[in-house]
Amino acid sequence: MAISTHVTTAHTRMIKLDIREITRRLNASLGGTLVASLSGSKDVKLPYRWAKADGPAPKNEAMRRLQFAYEQWTILVEAEGEHVARAWFIGANPWLNYDTPVTAIREDRFKEAATAVQAVIDDSFSG
């Protein structure tokens, strides 16, 4: 299976950003509560502190989740728009056995979540 151009472009853009900028963008797009949830944090204010230049840095696990979430956000926004991207993150998702993508990302089910993003773009379902 070939890697989609959407994925490679989004990944390239994501790796060029520092984690504070990624967190700022996710906070602006999804809100601190969802960002905290997908990162695995119980503190809904922590994503706002991560976004500050003098704030604490997220732990490695949270950083991986934030980077992955931002990559998926970028792919969805470019292909389907912000409304669809936000709905994708918070809605029960048939490609994830009706879990939300926020839950899947928090549980490090990155391959499943990426497949669910691609299914939205391709408008396909096999499950």
Protein backbone atom coordinates (compact mmCIF):
# COMPACT_ATOMS: atom_id res chain seq x y z
CA MET A 1 0.00 0.00 0.00
CA ALA A 2 1.48 3.32 -1.08
CA ILE A 3 1.78 6.12 1.43
CA SER A 4 -0.69 8.86 0.60
CA THR A 5 0.59 12.27 -0.45
CA HIS A 6 -1.66 13.76 2.27
CA VAL A 7 0.23 11.77 4.92
CA THR A 8 3.73 12.60 3.73
CA THR A 9 2.94 16.31 3.34
CA ALA A 10 1.26 16.51 6.77
CA HIS A 11 4.08 14.57 8.40
CA THR A 12 6.73 16.81 6.86
CA ARG A 13 4.93 19.92 8.10
CA MET A 14 4.41 18.44 11.56
CA ILE A 15 8.07 17.55 12.12
CA LYS A 16 9.11 21.11 11.27
CA LEU A 17 7.04 22.51 14.16
CA ASP A 18 8.06 22.46 17.78
CA ILE A 19 5.74 20.77 20.25
CA ARG A 20 4.62 24.09 21.73
CA GLU A 21 3.39 25.29 18.33
CA ILE A 22 1.68 21.96 17.65
CA THR A 23 -0.06 22.20 21.01
CA ARG A 24 -1.09 25.83 20.38
CA ARG A 25 -2.64 24.85 17.08
CA LEU A 26 -4.47 21.85 18.53
CA ASN A 27 -5.73 23.97 21.45
CA ALA A 28 -7.05 26.55 18.99
CA SER A 29 -8.72 23.91 16.82
CA LEU A 30 -9.99 21.36 19.32
CA GLY A 31 -9.85 23.10 22.70
CA GLY A 32 -7.82 22.26 25.77
CA THR A 33 -10.22 19.62 27.08
CA LEU A 34 -9.99 17.45 23.95
CA VAL A 35 -6.24 18.03 23.67
CA ALA A 36 -5.77 16.98 27.30
CA SER A 37 -7.91 13.91 26.72
CA LEU A 38 -6.17 12.71 23.57
CA SER A 39 -2.74 13.32 25.14
CA GLY A 40 -3.65 11.25 28.20
CA SER A 41 -3.64 14.17 30.66
CA LYS A 42 -6.30 14.48 33.33
CA ASP A 43 -5.49 18.19 33.73
CA VAL A 44 -7.47 20.18 31.14
CA LYS A 45 -5.27 23.25 31.70
CA LEU A 46 -2.01 21.42 31.01
CA PRO A 47 -2.24 21.76 27.19
CA TYR A 48 -2.35 25.54 27.61
CA ARG A 49 0.77 25.41 29.80
CA TRP A 50 2.53 23.16 27.24
CA ALA A 51 1.84 25.79 24.60
CA LYS A 52 3.61 28.57 26.53
CA ALA A 53 7.28 29.28 25.81
CA ASP A 54 8.13 29.04 29.51
CA GLY A 55 5.71 26.21 30.28
CA PRO A 56 6.51 22.59 31.02
CA ALA A 57 7.18 20.23 28.14
CA PRO A 58 4.83 17.31 27.62
CA LYS A 59 6.17 13.86 28.48
CA ASN A 60 7.30 11.70 25.57
CA GLU A 61 4.05 9.70 25.43
CA ALA A 62 1.95 12.86 25.34
CA MET A 63 4.28 14.42 22.78
CA ARG A 64 3.86 11.45 20.42
CA ARG A 65 0.08 11.67 20.76
CA LEU A 66 0.05 15.41 20.15
CA GLN A 67 2.24 15.07 17.06
CA PHE A 68 0.09 12.26 15.68
CA ALA A 69 -3.14 14.15 16.41
CA TYR A 70 -1.83 17.26 14.69
CA GLU A 71 -0.77 15.24 11.65
CA GLN A 72 -4.25 13.68 11.39
CA TRP A 73 -5.89 17.07 11.94
CA THR A 74 -3.84 18.55 9.10
CA ILE A 75 -4.68 15.69 6.74
CA LEU A 76 -8.41 15.98 7.46
CA VAL A 77 -8.56 19.77 7.25
CA GLU A 78 -6.77 19.80 3.90
CA ALA A 79 -8.99 17.08 2.45
CA GLU A 80 -12.36 17.73 4.11
CA GLY A 81 -12.29 21.03 6.03
CA GLU A 82 -12.24 22.02 9.70
CA HIS A 83 -15.86 21.09 10.44
CA VAL A 84 -15.34 17.49 9.27
CA ALA A 85 -11.99 17.27 11.06
CA ARG A 86 -13.47 18.36 14.38
CA ALA A 87 -16.45 16.03 13.97
CA TRP A 88 -14.04 13.18 13.18
CA PHE A 89 -12.09 13.69 16.41
CA ILE A 90 -15.13 13.73 18.71
CA GLY A 91 -17.61 11.40 17.04
CA ALA A 92 -18.14 7.67 17.50
CA ASN A 93 -16.24 6.20 14.59
CA PRO A 94 -17.21 2.98 12.77
CA TRP A 95 -13.60 2.44 11.66
CA LEU A 96 -12.61 2.39 15.34
CA ASN A 97 -15.40 0.06 16.51
CA TYR A 98 -17.40 3.17 17.47
CA ASP A 99 -14.75 4.54 19.83
CA THR A 100 -13.90 8.19 19.33
CA PRO A 101 -10.60 9.02 17.63
CA VAL A 102 -9.67 10.96 20.80
CA THR A 103 -9.88 7.68 22.71
CA ALA A 104 -7.96 5.76 20.04
CA ILE A 105 -5.15 8.34 20.06
CA ARG A 106 -4.99 8.35 23.88
CA GLU A 107 -4.68 4.54 23.73
CA ASP A 108 -1.85 4.78 21.14
CA ARG A 109 -3.93 3.08 18.44
CA PHE A 110 -2.24 5.21 15.80
CA LYS A 111 -2.43 2.75 12.92
CA GLU A 112 -6.19 2.28 13.43
CA ALA A 113 -6.76 6.03 13.69
CA ALA A 114 -4.70 6.73 10.56
CA THR A 115 -6.71 4.09 8.70
CA ALA A 116 -9.91 5.79 9.90
CA VAL A 117 -8.67 9.14 8.56
CA GLN A 118 -7.84 7.60 5.20
CA ALA A 119 -11.28 5.95 5.09
CA VAL A 120 -12.94 9.34 5.54
CA ILE A 121 -10.85 10.81 2.73
CA ASP A 122 -11.54 7.80 0.49
CA ASP A 123 -15.19 7.63 1.63
CA SER A 124 -14.85 3.91 2.24
CA PHE A 125 -15.84 1.41 4.90
CA SER A 126 -14.77 -2.18 5.32
CA GLY A 127 -15.59 -3.42 8.73
